[in-house]
Amino acid sequence: MRTAVIAVYLAVLFAAPATAFEPASSHNGKPITLPATGTIQTAFTPGDDAGNLIASAINGAHRQVLVQAFSFTHYQIAEALIAAKRRGVDVKVIADKEQTEKIPTSVIARIAAAGVPVFLDADHTSAHNKVMVIDAGSPETALVTGSFNFTHAAQYKNAENVLVIRGNAALTELYLKNWQQHYEHSQPYR
């Protein structure tokens, strides 16, 4: 059933004529439509190993991983970010300030202690993004997004989804710009 739903979704995306897509430069506060390019991997929880899918995307990073996280307690994903930093990848994390301070099992302190620059976004009621921008501007570009918080509960208790979209430079660039906007008003962790 899930495969059929995904097939229908992708068929609709790829069926749109090229003239239906607006260039990214025409954003001006309006929703943007981009051509569907690249590949998409997906996982649904509970059941699928979304954490491993995300960790694998991080493990494939060559240059940079930029993260936006609401709640972050998933040890495997944290370890993948730390390992990426240790192998020379530029890793930066923006986390929700309240969730980072409120959740005793948050791995944000561990990530920061490993030398990953961490910033807290307190300019919103919730900095609720769950995004990773990987190697933007390169042929290996990847984007991780979905409802999946980077948490143990998202993996084992909640009904969540995650998408890893590879090779869609225009989409990744939009998420990169959004990451940069939040980075500008975020404060360094501790």
N, C-alpha and C. Protein backbone atom coordinates (compact mmCIF):
# COMPACT_ATOMS: atom_id res chain seq x y z
N MET A 1 0.83 -1.20 0.00
CA MET A 1 0.00 0.00 0.00
C MET A 1 0.87 1.26 0.00
N ARG A 2 1.89 1.28 0.87
CA ARG A 2 2.75 2.45 0.96
C ARG A 2 3.46 2.71 -0.36
N THR A 3 3.92 1.65 -1.02
CA THR A 3 4.61 1.81 -2.30
C THR A 3 3.68 2.42 -3.33
N ALA A 4 2.41 2.02 -3.33
CA ALA A 4 1.44 2.57 -4.27
C ALA A 4 1.22 4.06 -4.03
N VAL A 5 1.13 4.46 -2.76
CA VAL A 5 0.94 5.87 -2.43
C VAL A 5 2.14 6.69 -2.90
N ILE A 6 3.34 6.19 -2.64
CA ILE A 6 4.54 6.88 -3.07
C ILE A 6 4.59 6.98 -4.58
N ALA A 7 4.23 5.91 -5.28
CA ALA A 7 4.23 5.91 -6.74
C ALA A 7 3.28 6.96 -7.29
N VAL A 8 2.09 7.07 -6.70
CA VAL A 8 1.12 8.08 -7.14
C VAL A 8 1.68 9.48 -6.88
N TYR A 9 2.25 9.69 -5.72
CA TYR A 9 2.83 10.99 -5.37
C TYR A 9 3.91 11.38 -6.36
N LEU A 10 4.81 10.48 -6.65
CA LEU A 10 5.89 10.78 -7.59
C LEU A 10 5.36 10.99 -9.01
N ALA A 11 4.36 10.24 -9.41
CA ALA A 11 3.78 10.41 -10.74
C ALA A 11 3.19 11.81 -10.89
N VAL A 12 2.51 12.29 -9.85
CA VAL A 12 1.94 13.63 -9.89
C VAL A 12 3.06 14.68 -9.98
N LEU A 13 4.12 14.49 -9.19
CA LEU A 13 5.24 15.44 -9.23
C LEU A 13 5.87 15.52 -10.61
N PHE A 14 6.11 14.37 -11.22
CA PHE A 14 6.82 14.35 -12.49
C PHE A 14 5.92 14.65 -13.69
N ALA A 15 4.60 14.65 -13.50
CA ALA A 15 3.69 14.88 -14.61
C ALA A 15 3.48 16.37 -14.91
N ALA A 16 3.82 17.24 -13.98
CA ALA A 16 3.59 18.67 -14.18
C ALA A 16 4.48 19.20 -15.30
N PRO A 17 3.93 20.05 -16.16
CA PRO A 17 4.76 20.64 -17.23
C PRO A 17 5.79 21.59 -16.65
N ALA A 18 6.90 21.72 -17.32
CA ALA A 18 7.99 22.58 -16.85
C ALA A 18 7.54 24.02 -16.68
N THR A 19 6.56 24.48 -17.48
CA THR A 19 6.09 25.86 -17.37
C THR A 19 5.32 26.10 -16.08
N ALA A 20 4.94 25.05 -15.38
CA ALA A 20 4.20 25.21 -14.13
C ALA A 20 5.09 25.60 -12.97
N PHE A 21 6.39 25.52 -13.14
CA PHE A 21 7.31 25.78 -12.05
C PHE A 21 7.81 27.22 -12.07
N GLU A 22 7.77 27.84 -10.91
CA GLU A 22 8.28 29.20 -10.78
C GLU A 22 9.77 29.15 -10.45
N PRO A 23 10.55 30.07 -10.94
CA PRO A 23 11.95 30.10 -10.53
C PRO A 23 12.05 30.50 -9.06
N ALA A 24 13.10 30.02 -8.40
CA ALA A 24 13.27 30.30 -6.97
C ALA A 24 13.35 31.79 -6.69
N SER A 25 13.82 32.58 -7.62
CA SER A 25 13.98 34.01 -7.39
C SER A 25 12.64 34.74 -7.27
N SER A 26 11.53 34.11 -7.62
CA SER A 26 10.24 34.78 -7.55
C SER A 26 9.53 34.51 -6.23
N HIS A 27 10.24 34.07 -5.22
CA HIS A 27 9.65 33.68 -3.94
C HIS A 27 8.76 34.77 -3.34
N ASN A 28 9.31 35.90 -2.96
CA ASN A 28 8.56 37.04 -2.44
C ASN A 28 7.46 36.65 -1.46
N GLY A 29 7.72 35.68 -0.59
CA GLY A 29 6.75 35.30 0.42
C GLY A 29 5.68 34.34 -0.06
N LYS A 30 5.71 33.97 -1.31
CA LYS A 30 4.71 33.04 -1.84
C LYS A 30 5.30 31.63 -1.87
N PRO A 31 4.46 30.61 -1.77
CA PRO A 31 4.96 29.25 -1.91
C PRO A 31 5.65 29.06 -3.26
N ILE A 32 6.65 28.21 -3.27
CA ILE A 32 7.44 27.96 -4.46
C ILE A 32 7.20 26.55 -4.96
N THR A 33 7.10 26.40 -6.25
CA THR A 33 7.02 25.09 -6.88
C THR A 33 8.29 24.87 -7.68
N LEU A 34 8.92 23.75 -7.46
CA LEU A 34 10.17 23.41 -8.13
C LEU A 34 10.02 22.10 -8.89
N PRO A 35 10.82 21.91 -9.92
CA PRO A 35 10.77 20.62 -10.61
C PRO A 35 11.29 19.51 -9.70
N ALA A 36 10.68 18.36 -9.81
CA ALA A 36 11.13 17.20 -9.04
C ALA A 36 12.31 16.58 -9.77
N THR A 37 13.47 16.63 -9.12
CA THR A 37 14.67 16.04 -9.69
C THR A 37 15.34 15.21 -8.61
N GLY A 38 16.23 14.34 -9.01
CA GLY A 38 16.98 13.55 -8.06
C GLY A 38 16.23 12.31 -7.62
N THR A 39 16.62 11.80 -6.46
CA THR A 39 16.00 10.61 -5.89
C THR A 39 15.43 10.92 -4.52
N ILE A 40 14.46 10.12 -4.10
CA ILE A 40 13.84 10.30 -2.80
C ILE A 40 13.82 8.96 -2.08
N GLN A 41 14.33 8.94 -0.86
CA GLN A 41 14.18 7.79 0.01
C GLN A 41 13.24 8.22 1.13
N THR A 42 12.44 7.29 1.61
CA THR A 42 11.52 7.62 2.69
C THR A 42 11.47 6.51 3.71
N ALA A 43 11.12 6.88 4.93
CA ALA A 43 10.90 5.91 6.01
C ALA A 43 9.73 6.39 6.84
N PHE A 44 8.97 5.42 7.37
CA PHE A 44 7.83 5.71 8.21
C PHE A 44 8.01 4.97 9.53
N THR A 45 7.73 5.67 10.62
CA THR A 45 7.86 5.04 11.93
C THR A 45 6.51 5.01 12.62
N PRO A 46 6.35 4.09 13.58
CA PRO A 46 7.33 3.07 13.92
C PRO A 46 7.38 2.00 12.82
N GLY A 47 8.43 1.31 12.77
CA GLY A 47 8.57 0.23 11.79
C GLY A 47 9.82 0.38 10.97
N ASP A 48 9.90 1.41 10.15
CA ASP A 48 11.10 1.63 9.33
C ASP A 48 12.20 2.25 10.19
N ASP A 49 13.43 2.00 9.82
CA ASP A 49 14.56 2.54 10.58
C ASP A 49 14.94 3.92 10.04
N ALA A 50 14.16 4.91 10.41
CA ALA A 50 14.38 6.28 9.96
C ALA A 50 15.70 6.83 10.49
N GLY A 51 16.04 6.48 11.72
CA GLY A 51 17.30 6.94 12.29
C GLY A 51 18.50 6.48 11.49
N ASN A 52 18.47 5.24 11.05
CA ASN A 52 19.56 4.71 10.25
C ASN A 52 19.61 5.40 8.87
N LEU A 53 18.45 5.66 8.29
CA LEU A 53 18.40 6.37 7.00
C LEU A 53 19.06 7.75 7.13
N ILE A 54 18.74 8.46 8.20
CA ILE A 54 19.32 9.79 8.42
C ILE A 54 20.81 9.68 8.70
N ALA A 55 21.20 8.74 9.55
CA ALA A 55 22.63 8.56 9.86
C ALA A 55 23.41 8.22 8.59
N SER A 56 22.84 7.40 7.71
CA SER A 56 23.51 7.06 6.45
C SER A 56 23.71 8.29 5.57
N ALA A 57 22.70 9.16 5.54
CA ALA A 57 22.83 10.40 4.76
C ALA A 57 23.97 11.26 5.33
N ILE A 58 24.06 11.35 6.64
CA ILE A 58 25.14 12.11 7.28
C ILE A 58 26.49 11.46 6.96
N ASN A 59 26.54 10.14 7.04
CA ASN A 59 27.78 9.41 6.78
C ASN A 59 28.27 9.62 5.35
N GLY A 60 27.37 9.95 4.44
CA GLY A 60 27.75 10.21 3.05
C GLY A 60 28.17 11.63 2.77
N ALA A 61 28.09 12.50 3.79
CA ALA A 61 28.46 13.91 3.60
C ALA A 61 29.95 14.04 3.36
N HIS A 62 30.30 14.92 2.41
CA HIS A 62 31.70 15.17 2.09
C HIS A 62 32.18 16.52 2.61
N ARG A 63 31.28 17.51 2.64
CA ARG A 63 31.69 18.89 2.89
C ARG A 63 30.99 19.51 4.09
N GLN A 64 29.65 19.36 4.16
CA GLN A 64 28.91 20.14 5.15
C GLN A 64 27.59 19.45 5.51
N VAL A 65 27.22 19.57 6.79
CA VAL A 65 25.90 19.15 7.28
C VAL A 65 25.38 20.28 8.17
N LEU A 66 24.28 20.89 7.75
CA LEU A 66 23.64 21.96 8.52
C LEU A 66 22.32 21.42 9.04
N VAL A 67 22.11 21.51 10.34
CA VAL A 67 20.96 20.87 11.00
C VAL A 67 20.07 21.91 11.63
N GLN A 68 18.76 21.69 11.53
CA GLN A 68 17.77 22.40 12.33
C GLN A 68 16.98 21.33 13.06
N ALA A 69 16.93 21.44 14.39
CA ALA A 69 16.27 20.41 15.19
C ALA A 69 15.37 21.04 16.24
N PHE A 70 14.22 20.44 16.42
CA PHE A 70 13.32 20.88 17.49
C PHE A 70 13.71 20.16 18.79
N SER A 71 13.60 18.87 18.78
CA SER A 71 13.97 18.04 19.92
C SER A 71 15.00 17.03 19.43
N PHE A 72 16.03 16.76 20.22
CA PHE A 72 17.11 15.92 19.71
C PHE A 72 17.59 14.98 20.82
N THR A 73 17.14 13.72 20.74
CA THR A 73 17.55 12.72 21.72
C THR A 73 18.05 11.44 21.05
N HIS A 74 18.12 11.40 19.73
CA HIS A 74 18.47 10.19 18.99
C HIS A 74 19.99 10.03 18.96
N TYR A 75 20.48 9.06 19.72
CA TYR A 75 21.91 8.88 19.91
C TYR A 75 22.64 8.54 18.61
N GLN A 76 22.08 7.67 17.77
CA GLN A 76 22.74 7.27 16.52
C GLN A 76 22.94 8.46 15.58
N ILE A 77 21.94 9.31 15.48
CA ILE A 77 22.04 10.49 14.62
C ILE A 77 23.08 11.46 15.19
N ALA A 78 23.08 11.63 16.51
CA ALA A 78 24.09 12.49 17.15
C ALA A 78 25.49 11.96 16.89
N GLU A 79 25.68 10.66 17.02
CA GLU A 79 27.00 10.06 16.79
C GLU A 79 27.44 10.22 15.34
N ALA A 80 26.50 10.14 14.40
CA ALA A 80 26.84 10.34 12.98
C ALA A 80 27.31 11.77 12.75
N LEU A 81 26.67 12.75 13.40
CA LEU A 81 27.10 14.14 13.27
C LEU A 81 28.49 14.35 13.86
N ILE A 82 28.73 13.76 15.02
CA ILE A 82 30.04 13.87 15.67
C ILE A 82 31.11 13.22 14.80
N ALA A 83 30.82 12.05 14.26
CA ALA A 83 31.78 11.36 13.38
C ALA A 83 32.07 12.19 12.13
N ALA A 84 31.04 12.83 11.58
CA ALA A 84 31.24 13.68 10.40
C ALA A 84 32.17 14.84 10.75
N LYS A 85 31.95 15.46 11.90
CA LYS A 85 32.81 16.57 12.34
C LYS A 85 34.26 16.08 12.47
N ARG A 86 34.43 14.90 13.04
CA ARG A 86 35.78 14.36 13.25
C ARG A 86 36.50 14.03 11.94
N ARG A 87 35.75 13.73 10.90
CA ARG A 87 36.40 13.43 9.61
C ARG A 87 36.55 14.68 8.74
N GLY A 88 36.27 15.86 9.32
CA GLY A 88 36.54 17.12 8.64
C GLY A 88 35.36 17.77 7.96
N VAL A 89 34.16 17.23 8.14
CA VAL A 89 32.96 17.83 7.56
C VAL A 89 32.56 19.02 8.44
N ASP A 90 32.16 20.11 7.81
CA ASP A 90 31.66 21.29 8.52
C ASP A 90 30.24 20.97 9.00
N VAL A 91 30.07 20.79 10.29
CA VAL A 91 28.78 20.45 10.88
C VAL A 91 28.37 21.58 11.80
N LYS A 92 27.13 22.05 11.65
CA LYS A 92 26.56 23.06 12.54
C LYS A 92 25.12 22.67 12.84
N VAL A 93 24.71 22.93 14.07
CA VAL A 93 23.37 22.57 14.52
C VAL A 93 22.67 23.80 15.08
N ILE A 94 21.44 24.02 14.64
CA ILE A 94 20.54 25.00 15.25
C ILE A 94 19.45 24.20 15.94
N ALA A 95 19.27 24.43 17.24
CA ALA A 95 18.27 23.69 18.00
C ALA A 95 17.29 24.65 18.67
N ASP A 96 16.13 24.14 18.97
CA ASP A 96 15.13 24.91 19.71
C ASP A 96 15.63 25.11 21.14
N LYS A 97 15.67 26.35 21.59
CA LYS A 97 16.22 26.67 22.91
C LYS A 97 15.45 25.98 24.03
N GLU A 98 14.14 26.09 24.02
CA GLU A 98 13.33 25.53 25.10
C GLU A 98 13.45 24.01 25.18
N GLN A 99 13.38 23.34 24.04
CA GLN A 99 13.49 21.89 24.04
C GLN A 99 14.87 21.43 24.52
N THR A 100 15.90 22.15 24.11
CA THR A 100 17.26 21.79 24.51
C THR A 100 17.42 21.90 26.01
N GLU A 101 16.85 22.93 26.60
CA GLU A 101 16.99 23.14 28.04
C GLU A 101 16.02 22.30 28.85
N LYS A 102 14.88 21.96 28.29
CA LYS A 102 13.81 21.28 29.03
C LYS A 102 13.94 19.75 29.03
N ILE A 103 14.48 19.17 27.97
CA ILE A 103 14.52 17.72 27.82
C ILE A 103 15.81 17.18 28.43
N PRO A 104 15.70 16.40 29.51
CA PRO A 104 16.92 15.92 30.16
C PRO A 104 17.72 14.93 29.32
N THR A 105 17.09 14.28 28.36
CA THR A 105 17.80 13.30 27.52
C THR A 105 18.32 13.92 26.21
N SER A 106 18.27 15.23 26.10
CA SER A 106 18.77 15.90 24.90
C SER A 106 20.24 15.57 24.69
N VAL A 107 20.62 15.32 23.44
CA VAL A 107 22.02 15.03 23.11
C VAL A 107 22.75 16.28 22.62
N ILE A 108 22.12 17.43 22.70
CA ILE A 108 22.73 18.67 22.23
C ILE A 108 24.03 18.96 22.98
N ALA A 109 24.05 18.78 24.30
CA ALA A 109 25.27 19.03 25.07
C ALA A 109 26.39 18.09 24.61
N ARG A 110 26.06 16.85 24.33
CA ARG A 110 27.06 15.88 23.85
C ARG A 110 27.62 16.31 22.49
N ILE A 111 26.74 16.75 21.60
CA ILE A 111 27.17 17.20 20.27
C ILE A 111 28.10 18.41 20.41
N ALA A 112 27.71 19.36 21.25
CA ALA A 112 28.53 20.56 21.45
C ALA A 112 29.88 20.20 22.09
N ALA A 113 29.87 19.29 23.06
CA ALA A 113 31.10 18.89 23.73
C ALA A 113 32.08 18.22 22.76
N ALA A 114 31.56 17.65 21.69
CA ALA A 114 32.40 17.00 20.69
C ALA A 114 32.96 18.00 19.68
N GLY A 115 32.69 19.28 19.88
CA GLY A 115 33.26 20.31 19.01
C GLY A 115 32.37 20.77 17.88
N VAL A 116 31.14 20.29 17.84
CA VAL A 116 30.20 20.74 16.80
C VAL A 116 29.60 22.07 17.25
N PRO A 117 29.70 23.12 16.45
CA PRO A 117 29.07 24.39 16.81
C PRO A 117 27.55 24.24 16.88
N VAL A 118 26.99 24.61 18.02
CA VAL A 118 25.55 24.51 18.25
C VAL A 118 25.02 25.89 18.59
N PHE A 119 23.86 26.20 18.03
CA PHE A 119 23.22 27.49 18.22
C PHE A 119 21.78 27.24 18.64
N LEU A 120 21.25 28.12 19.47
CA LEU A 120 19.88 27.98 19.94
C LEU A 120 19.01 29.07 19.34
N ASP A 121 17.88 28.64 18.80
CA ASP A 121 16.91 29.55 18.17
C ASP A 121 15.78 29.77 19.16
N ALA A 122 15.71 30.98 19.71
CA ALA A 122 14.66 31.33 20.67
C ALA A 122 13.75 32.41 20.13
N ASP A 123 13.86 32.73 18.85
CA ASP A 123 13.06 33.81 18.27
C ASP A 123 11.64 33.40 17.90
N HIS A 124 11.32 32.14 18.12
CA HIS A 124 9.99 31.64 17.73
C HIS A 124 9.39 30.90 18.92
N THR A 125 8.07 30.78 18.94
CA THR A 125 7.44 29.97 19.98
C THR A 125 8.04 28.58 19.97
N SER A 126 8.22 28.02 18.80
CA SER A 126 8.92 26.75 18.61
C SER A 126 9.77 26.84 17.36
N ALA A 127 11.04 26.50 17.47
CA ALA A 127 11.90 26.34 16.29
C ALA A 127 11.70 24.88 15.88
N HIS A 128 10.62 24.62 15.18
CA HIS A 128 10.08 23.27 14.99
C HIS A 128 10.59 22.57 13.73
N ASN A 129 11.58 23.14 13.06
CA ASN A 129 12.13 22.51 11.86
C ASN A 129 12.84 21.21 12.21
N LYS A 130 12.77 20.27 11.28
CA LYS A 130 13.52 19.02 11.37
C LYS A 130 14.18 18.86 10.01
N VAL A 131 15.35 19.43 9.86
CA VAL A 131 15.97 19.55 8.55
C VAL A 131 17.47 19.31 8.66
N MET A 132 18.02 18.67 7.62
CA MET A 132 19.47 18.61 7.44
C MET A 132 19.76 18.95 5.99
N VAL A 133 20.62 19.93 5.79
CA VAL A 133 21.09 20.31 4.46
C VAL A 133 22.50 19.75 4.34
N ILE A 134 22.69 18.85 3.39
CA ILE A 134 23.96 18.14 3.26
C ILE A 134 24.60 18.49 1.92
N ASP A 135 25.84 18.97 1.98
CA ASP A 135 26.65 19.26 0.79
C ASP A 135 25.92 20.11 -0.25
N ALA A 136 25.27 21.19 0.22
CA ALA A 136 24.58 22.10 -0.70
C ALA A 136 25.57 22.63 -1.73
N GLY A 137 25.11 22.80 -2.95
CA GLY A 137 25.93 23.34 -4.02
C GLY A 137 26.83 22.33 -4.69
N SER A 138 26.70 21.07 -4.33
CA SER A 138 27.52 20.03 -4.95
C SER A 138 26.62 18.99 -5.62
N PRO A 139 27.17 18.19 -6.51
CA PRO A 139 26.35 17.15 -7.14
C PRO A 139 25.81 16.12 -6.13
N GLU A 140 26.45 16.01 -4.97
CA GLU A 140 26.02 15.05 -3.95
C GLU A 140 25.02 15.66 -2.97
N THR A 141 24.47 16.81 -3.27
CA THR A 141 23.57 17.49 -2.35
C THR A 141 22.43 16.58 -1.90
N ALA A 142 22.09 16.72 -0.62
CA ALA A 142 20.98 15.94 -0.06
C ALA A 142 20.24 16.81 0.95
N LEU A 143 18.97 16.53 1.09
CA LEU A 143 18.11 17.23 2.03
C LEU A 143 17.35 16.19 2.83
N VAL A 144 17.38 16.32 4.16
CA VAL A 144 16.62 15.45 5.05
C VAL A 144 15.53 16.31 5.66
N THR A 145 14.28 15.87 5.57
CA THR A 145 13.17 16.61 6.17
C THR A 145 12.00 15.67 6.41
N GLY A 146 11.00 16.16 7.07
CA GLY A 146 9.80 15.38 7.37
C GLY A 146 9.32 15.71 8.77
N SER A 147 8.39 14.94 9.27
CA SER A 147 7.87 15.18 10.61
C SER A 147 8.77 14.61 11.70
N PHE A 148 9.71 13.77 11.33
CA PHE A 148 10.56 13.02 12.25
C PHE A 148 11.48 13.94 13.04
N ASN A 149 11.18 14.13 14.35
CA ASN A 149 12.14 14.78 15.24
C ASN A 149 13.31 13.83 15.40
N PHE A 150 14.46 14.34 15.67
CA PHE A 150 15.64 13.49 15.82
C PHE A 150 15.65 12.93 17.24
N THR A 151 14.63 12.09 17.53
CA THR A 151 14.42 11.58 18.88
C THR A 151 14.16 10.08 18.88
N HIS A 152 14.39 9.51 20.05
CA HIS A 152 14.09 8.10 20.30
C HIS A 152 12.58 7.86 20.14
N ALA A 153 11.77 8.76 20.66
CA ALA A 153 10.31 8.60 20.57
C ALA A 153 9.84 8.62 19.11
N ALA A 154 10.43 9.48 18.29
CA ALA A 154 10.05 9.53 16.87
C ALA A 154 10.34 8.21 16.18
N GLN A 155 11.40 7.53 16.60
CA GLN A 155 11.77 6.25 15.99
C GLN A 155 10.88 5.11 16.49
N TYR A 156 10.61 5.06 17.79
CA TYR A 156 10.01 3.86 18.37
C TYR A 156 8.58 4.01 18.86
N LYS A 157 8.09 5.23 19.05
CA LYS A 157 6.76 5.41 19.63
C LYS A 157 5.78 6.15 18.72
N ASN A 158 6.28 7.10 17.95
CA ASN A 158 5.41 7.99 17.18
C ASN A 158 5.18 7.47 15.76
N ALA A 159 4.14 7.97 15.14
CA ALA A 159 3.91 7.77 13.70
C ALA A 159 4.52 8.98 13.01
N GLU A 160 5.66 8.77 12.35
CA GLU A 160 6.43 9.87 11.75
C GLU A 160 6.85 9.50 10.33
N ASN A 161 7.38 10.48 9.62
CA ASN A 161 7.92 10.25 8.28
C ASN A 161 9.19 11.05 8.11
N VAL A 162 10.06 10.54 7.25
CA VAL A 162 11.28 11.26 6.89
C VAL A 162 11.54 11.06 5.41
N LEU A 163 12.03 12.10 4.76
CA LEU A 163 12.43 12.05 3.36
C LEU A 163 13.90 12.43 3.26
N VAL A 164 14.64 11.68 2.46
CA VAL A 164 16.00 12.06 2.09
C VAL A 164 15.96 12.29 0.58
N ILE A 165 16.11 13.55 0.19
CA ILE A 165 16.00 13.95 -1.21
C ILE A 165 17.40 14.28 -1.70
N ARG A 166 17.87 13.51 -2.66
CA ARG A 166 19.23 13.71 -3.18
C ARG A 166 19.17 14.26 -4.60
N GLY A 167 20.09 15.17 -4.91
CA GLY A 167 20.25 15.64 -6.27
C GLY A 167 19.29 16.72 -6.71
N ASN A 168 18.55 17.33 -5.79
CA ASN A 168 17.66 18.43 -6.15
C ASN A 168 18.30 19.72 -5.63
N ALA A 169 19.18 20.30 -6.44
CA ALA A 169 19.96 21.46 -6.03
C ALA A 169 19.09 22.66 -5.69
N ALA A 170 18.04 22.91 -6.46
CA ALA A 170 17.19 24.08 -6.22
C ALA A 170 16.47 23.96 -4.88
N LEU A 171 15.95 22.79 -4.58
CA LEU A 171 15.26 22.58 -3.30
C LEU A 171 16.24 22.71 -2.13
N THR A 172 17.40 22.10 -2.27
CA THR A 172 18.40 22.18 -1.21
C THR A 172 18.83 23.63 -0.98
N GLU A 173 18.95 24.39 -2.05
CA GLU A 173 19.34 25.80 -1.93
C GLU A 173 18.29 26.60 -1.15
N LEU A 174 17.00 26.32 -1.36
CA LEU A 174 15.95 27.00 -0.61
C LEU A 174 16.06 26.69 0.89
N TYR A 175 16.30 25.43 1.20
CA TYR A 175 16.45 25.05 2.61
C TYR A 175 17.72 25.63 3.20
N LEU A 176 18.77 25.74 2.42
CA LEU A 176 20.00 26.37 2.88
C LEU A 176 19.74 27.83 3.24
N LYS A 177 19.03 28.56 2.39
CA LYS A 177 18.71 29.96 2.67
C LYS A 177 17.88 30.09 3.94
N ASN A 178 16.93 29.17 4.14
CA ASN A 178 16.11 29.19 5.35
C ASN A 178 16.98 28.91 6.57
N TRP A 179 17.90 27.95 6.46
CA TRP A 179 18.81 27.63 7.56
C TRP A 179 19.62 28.88 7.92
N GLN A 180 20.13 29.57 6.91
CA GLN A 180 20.94 30.77 7.14
C GLN A 180 20.14 31.88 7.82
N GLN A 181 18.86 32.03 7.46
CA GLN A 181 18.01 33.04 8.10
C GLN A 181 17.89 32.76 9.60
N HIS A 182 17.72 31.49 9.96
CA HIS A 182 17.59 31.14 11.38
C HIS A 182 18.93 31.23 12.10
N TYR A 183 20.00 30.92 11.41
CA TYR A 183 21.34 31.02 11.98
C TYR A 183 21.64 32.46 12.38
N GLU A 184 21.20 33.42 11.59
CA GLU A 184 21.48 34.84 11.84
C GLU A 184 20.91 35.32 13.17
N HIS A 185 19.79 34.76 13.61
CA HIS A 185 19.23 35.23 14.89
C HIS A 185 19.43 34.25 16.03
N SER A 186 20.09 33.14 15.78
CA SER A 186 20.36 32.16 16.84
C SER A 186 21.57 32.57 17.66
N GLN A 187 21.58 32.10 18.90
CA GLN A 187 22.66 32.42 19.83
C GLN A 187 23.51 31.17 20.08
N PRO A 188 24.82 31.34 20.26
CA PRO A 188 25.66 30.18 20.55
C PRO A 188 25.20 29.45 21.81
N TYR A 189 25.26 28.15 21.76
CA TYR A 189 24.93 27.30 22.91
C TYR A 189 26.01 27.46 23.96
N ARG A 190 25.61 27.80 25.18
CA ARG A 190 26.48 27.97 26.36
C ARG A 190 27.64 28.86 26.06
